[in-house]
Amino acid sequence: MDTKYQEIFLKMFNRSPIIHADKVKAPTLLLLGSKDHRVPYYQGKLWYTRLQANKVKSKMLVYEDNHSLMTDPVEMDHIINGALWFIENNSPLIHAESEEAAVTPPEGEQQEGQVEENPLEKVEKKEEKVEKKEEKKEVKVEKKEEKKEEKKEEKKPEKVQKKLAKK
């Protein structure tokens, strides 16, 4: 009997995604329900742990729910976090320099994994930097225009003197 169960266990293990975790390179966001009836929470946590061990950028959000789409607040949080994760890891404007980003989940929900600054704050900081660069450019342009005006003013007396000299 033991050999039959061992064979079944080995067949299941050989078909399990966990044996392929070392091949994962893409940033991975896990949204788990601690009361999920289809996929036990501990399996998602095992997957997350394996990804972290392999130095794959990953984040795990755990919802005190059956599934990450079960209730409206959880579904909205899932959509927001999924979109922010996608933007952060696929946008050329926002380069995540091996940082993890997080948005706080709804009240009563727990969050695990590395947590850094909010991606929205990152976007705002990038926008501020761009605005500051634009302001600096504008200041430079204004200074150039002022210098041109000063040169024009300096040349006016010369022109006036030349005209007076001609008369």
N, C-alpha and C. Protein backbone atom coordinates (compact mmCIF):
# COMPACT_ATOMS: atom_id res chain seq x y z
N MET A 1 0.80 -1.20 0.00
CA MET A 1 0.00 0.00 0.00
C MET A 1 0.85 1.27 0.00
N ASP A 2 1.92 1.27 0.75
CA ASP A 2 2.75 2.46 0.81
C ASP A 2 3.29 2.84 -0.56
N THR A 3 3.67 1.87 -1.33
CA THR A 3 4.24 2.17 -2.64
C THR A 3 3.19 2.79 -3.56
N LYS A 4 1.93 2.35 -3.45
CA LYS A 4 0.87 2.93 -4.28
C LYS A 4 0.68 4.42 -3.96
N TYR A 5 0.64 4.74 -2.66
CA TYR A 5 0.49 6.13 -2.25
C TYR A 5 1.73 6.96 -2.60
N GLN A 6 2.88 6.32 -2.49
CA GLN A 6 4.10 7.01 -2.88
C GLN A 6 4.09 7.33 -4.37
N GLU A 7 3.64 6.39 -5.16
CA GLU A 7 3.55 6.62 -6.61
C GLU A 7 2.59 7.76 -6.92
N ILE A 8 1.44 7.74 -6.26
CA ILE A 8 0.45 8.82 -6.47
C ILE A 8 1.05 10.16 -6.07
N PHE A 9 1.69 10.17 -4.91
CA PHE A 9 2.31 11.41 -4.43
C PHE A 9 3.36 11.91 -5.42
N LEU A 10 4.21 11.03 -5.92
CA LEU A 10 5.24 11.42 -6.88
C LEU A 10 4.63 11.94 -8.18
N LYS A 11 3.54 11.30 -8.65
CA LYS A 11 2.87 11.79 -9.86
C LYS A 11 2.32 13.20 -9.64
N MET A 12 1.69 13.40 -8.48
CA MET A 12 1.15 14.73 -8.18
C MET A 12 2.27 15.75 -8.07
N PHE A 13 3.34 15.38 -7.37
CA PHE A 13 4.45 16.31 -7.19
C PHE A 13 5.09 16.68 -8.53
N ASN A 14 5.27 15.71 -9.40
CA ASN A 14 5.88 15.96 -10.71
C ASN A 14 5.04 16.86 -11.59
N ARG A 15 3.76 16.96 -11.31
CA ARG A 15 2.86 17.84 -12.08
C ARG A 15 2.62 19.18 -11.37
N SER A 16 3.20 19.33 -10.23
CA SER A 16 3.00 20.54 -9.43
C SER A 16 3.83 21.70 -9.97
N PRO A 17 3.27 22.90 -9.97
CA PRO A 17 4.04 24.08 -10.42
C PRO A 17 5.27 24.35 -9.54
N ILE A 18 5.24 23.90 -8.29
CA ILE A 18 6.33 24.23 -7.37
C ILE A 18 7.68 23.71 -7.87
N ILE A 19 7.69 22.62 -8.63
CA ILE A 19 8.98 22.12 -9.12
C ILE A 19 9.52 22.98 -10.26
N HIS A 20 8.70 23.86 -10.80
CA HIS A 20 9.14 24.75 -11.87
C HIS A 20 9.41 26.18 -11.37
N ALA A 21 9.32 26.39 -10.08
CA ALA A 21 9.49 27.74 -9.52
C ALA A 21 10.85 28.33 -9.84
N ASP A 22 11.86 27.49 -9.98
CA ASP A 22 13.20 28.00 -10.28
C ASP A 22 13.31 28.59 -11.68
N LYS A 23 12.32 28.34 -12.53
CA LYS A 23 12.32 28.88 -13.90
C LYS A 23 11.64 30.24 -14.00
N VAL A 24 10.95 30.63 -12.94
CA VAL A 24 10.20 31.89 -12.96
C VAL A 24 11.16 33.07 -12.86
N LYS A 25 11.02 34.03 -13.76
CA LYS A 25 11.85 35.24 -13.75
C LYS A 25 10.99 36.49 -13.66
N ALA A 26 9.74 36.40 -14.08
CA ALA A 26 8.86 37.57 -14.14
C ALA A 26 8.42 37.99 -12.73
N PRO A 27 8.32 39.31 -12.49
CA PRO A 27 7.77 39.78 -11.22
C PRO A 27 6.38 39.17 -11.02
N THR A 28 6.12 38.71 -9.80
CA THR A 28 4.90 37.95 -9.55
C THR A 28 4.13 38.54 -8.37
N LEU A 29 2.85 38.80 -8.60
CA LEU A 29 1.95 39.27 -7.56
C LEU A 29 0.99 38.14 -7.22
N LEU A 30 0.96 37.76 -5.93
CA LEU A 30 0.06 36.70 -5.48
C LEU A 30 -1.06 37.33 -4.65
N LEU A 31 -2.29 37.04 -5.01
CA LEU A 31 -3.46 37.51 -4.28
C LEU A 31 -4.17 36.27 -3.74
N LEU A 32 -4.04 36.06 -2.43
CA LEU A 32 -4.53 34.82 -1.84
C LEU A 32 -5.68 35.08 -0.88
N GLY A 33 -6.61 34.15 -0.87
CA GLY A 33 -7.68 34.18 0.12
C GLY A 33 -7.36 33.17 1.21
N SER A 34 -7.33 33.61 2.45
CA SER A 34 -6.95 32.69 3.53
C SER A 34 -8.02 31.61 3.76
N LYS A 35 -9.22 31.84 3.22
CA LYS A 35 -10.29 30.86 3.37
C LYS A 35 -10.69 30.25 2.03
N ASP A 36 -9.78 30.30 1.06
CA ASP A 36 -10.06 29.78 -0.28
C ASP A 36 -10.25 28.27 -0.21
N HIS A 37 -11.36 27.79 -0.78
CA HIS A 37 -11.67 26.35 -0.74
C HIS A 37 -11.00 25.59 -1.87
N ARG A 38 -10.58 26.29 -2.92
CA ARG A 38 -9.99 25.61 -4.07
C ARG A 38 -8.47 25.47 -3.96
N VAL A 39 -7.82 26.55 -3.56
CA VAL A 39 -6.36 26.52 -3.42
C VAL A 39 -6.03 26.89 -1.98
N PRO A 40 -5.54 25.94 -1.21
CA PRO A 40 -5.21 26.25 0.19
C PRO A 40 -4.17 27.36 0.27
N TYR A 41 -4.37 28.23 1.23
CA TYR A 41 -3.50 29.39 1.43
C TYR A 41 -2.04 28.99 1.53
N TYR A 42 -1.75 27.92 2.23
CA TYR A 42 -0.36 27.53 2.44
C TYR A 42 0.35 27.19 1.13
N GLN A 43 -0.38 26.75 0.11
CA GLN A 43 0.26 26.46 -1.17
C GLN A 43 0.73 27.75 -1.85
N GLY A 44 -0.10 28.80 -1.77
CA GLY A 44 0.31 30.09 -2.31
C GLY A 44 1.50 30.66 -1.55
N LYS A 45 1.48 30.47 -0.24
CA LYS A 45 2.58 30.96 0.58
C LYS A 45 3.87 30.20 0.26
N LEU A 46 3.75 28.91 0.01
CA LEU A 46 4.91 28.10 -0.38
C LEU A 46 5.48 28.60 -1.71
N TRP A 47 4.60 28.90 -2.67
CA TRP A 47 5.01 29.42 -3.97
C TRP A 47 5.74 30.75 -3.78
N TYR A 48 5.18 31.63 -2.97
CA TYR A 48 5.79 32.93 -2.69
C TYR A 48 7.17 32.76 -2.06
N THR A 49 7.26 31.86 -1.08
CA THR A 49 8.53 31.61 -0.40
C THR A 49 9.58 31.11 -1.38
N ARG A 50 9.17 30.24 -2.28
CA ARG A 50 10.11 29.69 -3.28
C ARG A 50 10.58 30.80 -4.22
N LEU A 51 9.65 31.68 -4.64
CA LEU A 51 10.03 32.79 -5.51
C LEU A 51 11.02 33.72 -4.81
N GLN A 52 10.74 34.02 -3.55
CA GLN A 52 11.64 34.88 -2.78
C GLN A 52 13.02 34.24 -2.65
N ALA A 53 13.04 32.95 -2.42
CA ALA A 53 14.32 32.23 -2.30
C ALA A 53 15.10 32.31 -3.61
N ASN A 54 14.38 32.34 -4.72
CA ASN A 54 15.03 32.43 -6.03
C ASN A 54 15.27 33.88 -6.46
N LYS A 55 15.04 34.82 -5.56
CA LYS A 55 15.26 36.25 -5.79
C LYS A 55 14.40 36.80 -6.94
N VAL A 56 13.19 36.28 -7.05
CA VAL A 56 12.24 36.79 -8.02
C VAL A 56 11.44 37.89 -7.32
N LYS A 57 11.32 39.04 -7.97
CA LYS A 57 10.55 40.12 -7.38
C LYS A 57 9.12 39.63 -7.23
N SER A 58 8.64 39.59 -6.00
CA SER A 58 7.29 39.08 -5.77
C SER A 58 6.66 39.78 -4.57
N LYS A 59 5.34 39.76 -4.58
CA LYS A 59 4.57 40.37 -3.51
C LYS A 59 3.35 39.48 -3.28
N MET A 60 3.02 39.30 -2.02
CA MET A 60 1.87 38.47 -1.68
C MET A 60 0.91 39.29 -0.84
N LEU A 61 -0.34 39.33 -1.28
CA LEU A 61 -1.40 39.96 -0.50
C LEU A 61 -2.37 38.86 -0.09
N VAL A 62 -2.66 38.82 1.21
CA VAL A 62 -3.54 37.79 1.73
C VAL A 62 -4.82 38.47 2.20
N TYR A 63 -5.95 37.98 1.68
CA TYR A 63 -7.24 38.53 2.04
C TYR A 63 -7.97 37.56 2.95
N GLU A 64 -8.59 38.09 3.98
CA GLU A 64 -9.38 37.26 4.91
C GLU A 64 -10.71 36.96 4.24
N ASP A 65 -10.66 36.18 3.21
CA ASP A 65 -11.83 35.93 2.39
C ASP A 65 -11.65 34.58 1.72
N ASN A 66 -12.71 34.09 1.11
CA ASN A 66 -12.64 32.83 0.38
C ASN A 66 -11.82 32.98 -0.89
N HIS A 67 -11.97 34.11 -1.54
CA HIS A 67 -11.32 34.32 -2.83
C HIS A 67 -11.08 35.82 -2.98
N SER A 68 -10.07 36.19 -3.76
CA SER A 68 -9.74 37.61 -3.88
C SER A 68 -10.79 38.42 -4.63
N LEU A 69 -11.81 37.76 -5.20
CA LEU A 69 -12.87 38.49 -5.90
C LEU A 69 -14.23 38.28 -5.24
N MET A 70 -14.24 37.82 -4.01
CA MET A 70 -15.49 37.45 -3.36
C MET A 70 -16.34 38.66 -2.96
N THR A 71 -15.73 39.71 -2.41
CA THR A 71 -16.48 40.88 -1.97
C THR A 71 -16.03 42.11 -2.74
N ASP A 72 -16.89 43.12 -2.80
CA ASP A 72 -16.57 44.32 -3.58
C ASP A 72 -15.29 45.03 -3.10
N PRO A 73 -15.11 45.28 -1.78
CA PRO A 73 -13.88 45.96 -1.36
C PRO A 73 -12.62 45.17 -1.73
N VAL A 74 -12.70 43.85 -1.57
CA VAL A 74 -11.54 43.01 -1.89
C VAL A 74 -11.30 43.01 -3.40
N GLU A 75 -12.39 42.95 -4.17
CA GLU A 75 -12.23 42.96 -5.62
C GLU A 75 -11.61 44.27 -6.09
N MET A 76 -12.06 45.40 -5.51
CA MET A 76 -11.50 46.70 -5.89
C MET A 76 -10.02 46.77 -5.51
N ASP A 77 -9.70 46.27 -4.31
CA ASP A 77 -8.30 46.28 -3.89
C ASP A 77 -7.47 45.40 -4.82
N HIS A 78 -8.03 44.27 -5.21
CA HIS A 78 -7.36 43.36 -6.15
C HIS A 78 -7.10 44.06 -7.48
N ILE A 79 -8.08 44.78 -8.00
CA ILE A 79 -7.92 45.48 -9.28
C ILE A 79 -6.87 46.57 -9.17
N ILE A 80 -6.95 47.35 -8.09
CA ILE A 80 -6.00 48.46 -7.91
C ILE A 80 -4.58 47.93 -7.76
N ASN A 81 -4.40 46.94 -6.88
CA ASN A 81 -3.06 46.39 -6.67
C ASN A 81 -2.53 45.71 -7.92
N GLY A 82 -3.40 45.02 -8.65
CA GLY A 82 -2.98 44.37 -9.89
C GLY A 82 -2.53 45.39 -10.92
N ALA A 83 -3.31 46.47 -11.07
CA ALA A 83 -2.95 47.52 -12.04
C ALA A 83 -1.66 48.22 -11.64
N LEU A 84 -1.52 48.54 -10.37
CA LEU A 84 -0.29 49.20 -9.91
C LEU A 84 0.93 48.29 -10.09
N TRP A 85 0.74 47.02 -9.80
CA TRP A 85 1.85 46.06 -9.99
C TRP A 85 2.24 46.00 -11.45
N PHE A 86 1.25 45.94 -12.32
CA PHE A 86 1.52 45.88 -13.76
C PHE A 86 2.24 47.15 -14.22
N ILE A 87 1.75 48.31 -13.80
CA ILE A 87 2.37 49.57 -14.18
C ILE A 87 3.80 49.64 -13.67
N GLU A 88 3.97 49.30 -12.41
CA GLU A 88 5.30 49.38 -11.81
C GLU A 88 6.31 48.46 -12.49
N ASN A 89 5.86 47.30 -12.91
CA ASN A 89 6.78 46.32 -13.47
C ASN A 89 6.83 46.29 -14.98
N ASN A 90 6.04 47.12 -15.65
CA ASN A 90 6.03 47.12 -17.10
C ASN A 90 6.16 48.50 -17.71
N SER A 91 6.09 49.54 -16.93
CA SER A 91 6.14 50.90 -17.46
C SER A 91 7.59 51.36 -17.59
N PRO A 92 7.95 51.94 -18.74
CA PRO A 92 9.32 52.46 -18.87
C PRO A 92 9.53 53.71 -18.02
N LEU A 93 8.45 54.35 -17.57
CA LEU A 93 8.59 55.56 -16.76
C LEU A 93 8.92 55.25 -15.32
N ILE A 94 8.45 54.09 -14.87
CA ILE A 94 8.65 53.74 -13.47
C ILE A 94 9.51 52.50 -13.41
N HIS A 95 10.76 52.68 -13.08
CA HIS A 95 11.65 51.53 -12.96
C HIS A 95 11.75 51.16 -11.49
N ALA A 96 11.31 49.98 -11.19
CA ALA A 96 11.41 49.50 -9.82
C ALA A 96 12.81 48.92 -9.65
N GLU A 97 13.63 49.62 -8.93
CA GLU A 97 15.01 49.20 -8.75
C GLU A 97 15.08 48.19 -7.61
N SER A 98 14.63 46.98 -7.92
CA SER A 98 14.57 45.85 -6.98
C SER A 98 13.88 46.24 -5.69
N GLU A 99 12.85 47.08 -5.79
CA GLU A 99 12.04 47.44 -4.64
C GLU A 99 10.69 46.76 -4.78
N GLU A 100 10.05 46.54 -3.67
CA GLU A 100 8.68 46.06 -3.67
C GLU A 100 7.79 47.26 -3.36
N ALA A 101 6.65 47.28 -3.97
CA ALA A 101 5.70 48.35 -3.72
C ALA A 101 4.45 47.76 -3.12
N ALA A 102 3.75 48.57 -2.37
CA ALA A 102 2.54 48.06 -1.75
C ALA A 102 1.49 49.13 -1.63
N VAL A 103 0.28 48.73 -1.74
CA VAL A 103 -0.86 49.56 -1.44
C VAL A 103 -1.55 48.88 -0.28
N THR A 104 -1.99 49.65 0.69
CA THR A 104 -2.59 49.02 1.84
C THR A 104 -3.89 48.34 1.47
N PRO A 105 -4.06 47.09 1.90
CA PRO A 105 -5.30 46.38 1.61
C PRO A 105 -6.44 46.92 2.47
N PRO A 106 -7.68 46.52 2.18
CA PRO A 106 -8.80 46.99 2.97
C PRO A 106 -8.63 46.63 4.44
N GLU A 107 -9.36 47.35 5.30
CA GLU A 107 -9.27 47.08 6.73
C GLU A 107 -9.57 45.62 7.01
N GLY A 108 -8.83 45.07 7.97
CA GLY A 108 -9.06 43.69 8.35
C GLY A 108 -8.31 42.70 7.48
N GLU A 109 -7.67 43.16 6.43
CA GLU A 109 -6.92 42.27 5.55
C GLU A 109 -5.46 42.32 5.96
N GLN A 110 -4.75 41.24 5.76
CA GLN A 110 -3.33 41.23 6.10
C GLN A 110 -2.51 41.24 4.83
N GLN A 111 -1.30 41.73 4.97
CA GLN A 111 -0.41 41.82 3.83
C GLN A 111 0.94 41.28 4.26
N GLU A 112 1.52 40.45 3.42
CA GLU A 112 2.82 39.88 3.73
C GLU A 112 3.79 40.21 2.61
N GLY A 113 5.06 40.04 2.90
CA GLY A 113 6.07 40.30 1.88
C GLY A 113 6.77 41.61 2.16
N GLN A 114 7.72 41.93 1.32
CA GLN A 114 8.44 43.18 1.47
C GLN A 114 7.53 44.33 1.09
N VAL A 115 7.58 45.37 1.88
CA VAL A 115 6.72 46.52 1.62
C VAL A 115 7.59 47.75 1.52
N GLU A 116 7.44 48.48 0.46
CA GLU A 116 8.17 49.73 0.26
C GLU A 116 7.14 50.84 0.09
N GLU A 117 7.54 51.89 -0.57
CA GLU A 117 6.62 53.02 -0.73
C GLU A 117 5.51 52.71 -1.72
N ASN A 118 4.45 53.46 -1.58
CA ASN A 118 3.28 53.31 -2.43
C ASN A 118 3.62 53.66 -3.87
N PRO A 119 3.21 52.86 -4.86
CA PRO A 119 3.51 53.16 -6.26
C PRO A 119 2.95 54.50 -6.71
N LEU A 120 1.81 54.90 -6.14
CA LEU A 120 1.25 56.20 -6.50
C LEU A 120 2.20 57.32 -6.08
N GLU A 121 2.83 57.15 -4.91
CA GLU A 121 3.81 58.13 -4.46
C GLU A 121 5.01 58.15 -5.40
N LYS A 122 5.39 56.98 -5.90
CA LYS A 122 6.51 56.92 -6.85
C LYS A 122 6.16 57.71 -8.11
N VAL A 123 4.94 57.51 -8.60
CA VAL A 123 4.50 58.22 -9.81
C VAL A 123 4.50 59.72 -9.55
N GLU A 124 3.98 60.12 -8.38
CA GLU A 124 3.95 61.54 -8.05
C GLU A 124 5.36 62.11 -7.97
N LYS A 125 6.29 61.35 -7.39
CA LYS A 125 7.67 61.82 -7.30
C LYS A 125 8.28 61.98 -8.69
N LYS A 126 8.01 61.01 -9.57
CA LYS A 126 8.52 61.11 -10.94
C LYS A 126 7.94 62.34 -11.62
N GLU A 127 6.63 62.58 -11.43
CA GLU A 127 5.99 63.74 -12.04
C GLU A 127 6.61 65.03 -11.50
N GLU A 128 6.88 65.07 -10.19
CA GLU A 128 7.51 66.24 -9.58
C GLU A 128 8.89 66.49 -10.19
N LYS A 129 9.65 65.42 -10.38
CA LYS A 129 10.98 65.56 -10.99
C LYS A 129 10.87 66.13 -12.40
N VAL A 130 9.91 65.61 -13.16
CA VAL A 130 9.70 66.09 -14.52
C VAL A 130 9.30 67.57 -14.50
N GLU A 131 8.39 67.93 -13.58
CA GLU A 131 7.97 69.33 -13.47
C GLU A 131 9.15 70.22 -13.10
N LYS A 132 9.99 69.76 -12.17
CA LYS A 132 11.15 70.56 -11.78
C LYS A 132 12.10 70.77 -12.96
N LYS A 133 12.31 69.71 -13.76
CA LYS A 133 13.16 69.84 -14.94
C LYS A 133 12.57 70.85 -15.92
N GLU A 134 11.25 70.77 -16.11
CA GLU A 134 10.59 71.71 -17.02
C GLU A 134 10.71 73.14 -16.50
N GLU A 135 10.56 73.33 -15.18
CA GLU A 135 10.71 74.66 -14.59
C GLU A 135 12.13 75.18 -14.81
N LYS A 136 13.12 74.31 -14.64
CA LYS A 136 14.50 74.72 -14.85
C LYS A 136 14.72 75.15 -16.30
N LYS A 137 14.12 74.38 -17.23
CA LYS A 137 14.24 74.75 -18.64
C LYS A 137 13.60 76.09 -18.90
N GLU A 138 12.42 76.31 -18.30
CA GLU A 138 11.73 77.59 -18.47
C GLU A 138 12.56 78.74 -17.92
N VAL A 139 13.19 78.52 -16.77
CA VAL A 139 14.04 79.56 -16.17
C VAL A 139 15.21 79.87 -17.09
N LYS A 140 15.81 78.83 -17.66
CA LYS A 140 16.93 79.05 -18.59
C LYS A 140 16.48 79.84 -19.81
N VAL A 141 15.32 79.49 -20.33
CA VAL A 141 14.78 80.21 -21.49
C VAL A 141 14.52 81.67 -21.13
N GLU A 142 13.95 81.90 -19.96
CA GLU A 142 13.68 83.26 -19.51
C GLU A 142 14.98 84.05 -19.38
N LYS A 143 16.01 83.41 -18.81
CA LYS A 143 17.29 84.09 -18.66
C LYS A 143 17.89 84.45 -20.02
N LYS A 144 17.77 83.53 -20.97
CA LYS A 144 18.28 83.81 -22.31
C LYS A 144 17.54 84.99 -22.93
N GLU A 145 16.22 85.01 -22.75
CA GLU A 145 15.42 86.11 -23.29
C GLU A 145 15.81 87.43 -22.62
N GLU A 146 16.04 87.39 -21.31
CA GLU A 146 16.46 88.60 -20.60
C GLU A 146 17.80 89.11 -21.13
N LYS A 147 18.73 88.19 -21.36
CA LYS A 147 20.03 88.58 -21.89
C LYS A 147 19.88 89.20 -23.27
N LYS A 148 19.00 88.61 -24.10
CA LYS A 148 18.76 89.18 -25.43
C LYS A 148 18.21 90.60 -25.30
N GLU A 149 17.28 90.80 -24.39
CA GLU A 149 16.69 92.12 -24.18
C GLU A 149 17.75 93.11 -23.70
N GLU A 150 18.62 92.65 -22.79
CA GLU A 150 19.69 93.51 -22.30
C GLU A 150 20.62 93.91 -23.44
N LYS A 151 20.95 92.96 -24.29
CA LYS A 151 21.81 93.27 -25.43
C LYS A 151 21.14 94.27 -26.36
N LYS A 152 19.83 94.11 -26.57
CA LYS A 152 19.09 95.05 -27.40
C LYS A 152 19.15 96.44 -26.79
N GLU A 153 18.97 96.51 -25.48
CA GLU A 153 18.99 97.80 -24.79
C GLU A 153 20.39 98.43 -24.89
N GLU A 154 21.43 97.58 -24.79
CA GLU A 154 22.79 98.10 -24.91
C GLU A 154 23.04 98.62 -26.32
N LYS A 155 22.48 97.97 -27.31
CA LYS A 155 22.69 98.37 -28.70
C LYS A 155 21.91 99.62 -29.05
N LYS A 156 20.81 99.90 -28.38
CA LYS A 156 19.99 101.07 -28.69
C LYS A 156 20.78 102.37 -28.57
N PRO A 157 21.49 102.57 -27.47
CA PRO A 157 22.25 103.83 -27.40
C PRO A 157 23.30 103.94 -28.52
N GLU A 158 23.88 102.80 -28.89
CA GLU A 158 24.86 102.84 -29.99
C GLU A 158 24.18 103.28 -31.28
N LYS A 159 23.00 102.76 -31.54
CA LYS A 159 22.27 103.11 -32.75
C LYS A 159 21.88 104.59 -32.71
N VAL A 160 21.42 105.01 -31.55
CA VAL A 160 21.02 106.41 -31.40
C VAL A 160 22.23 107.33 -31.64
N GLN A 161 23.37 106.98 -31.07
CA GLN A 161 24.59 107.78 -31.25
C GLN A 161 25.01 107.81 -32.70
N LYS A 162 24.90 106.66 -33.40
CA LYS A 162 25.25 106.62 -34.82
C LYS A 162 24.32 107.51 -35.63
N LYS A 163 23.01 107.48 -35.31
CA LYS A 163 22.06 108.31 -36.03
C LYS A 163 22.35 109.79 -35.77
N LEU A 164 22.68 110.13 -34.53
CA LEU A 164 22.98 111.52 -34.20
C LEU A 164 24.26 111.97 -34.90
N ALA A 165 25.20 111.07 -34.99
CA ALA A 165 26.47 111.38 -35.65
C ALA A 165 26.24 111.63 -37.15
N LYS A 166 25.32 110.92 -37.74
CA LYS A 166 25.02 111.11 -39.16
C LYS A 166 24.37 112.46 -39.39
N LYS A 167 23.56 112.93 -38.47
CA LYS A 167 22.84 114.18 -38.63
C LYS A 167 23.79 115.29 -38.46
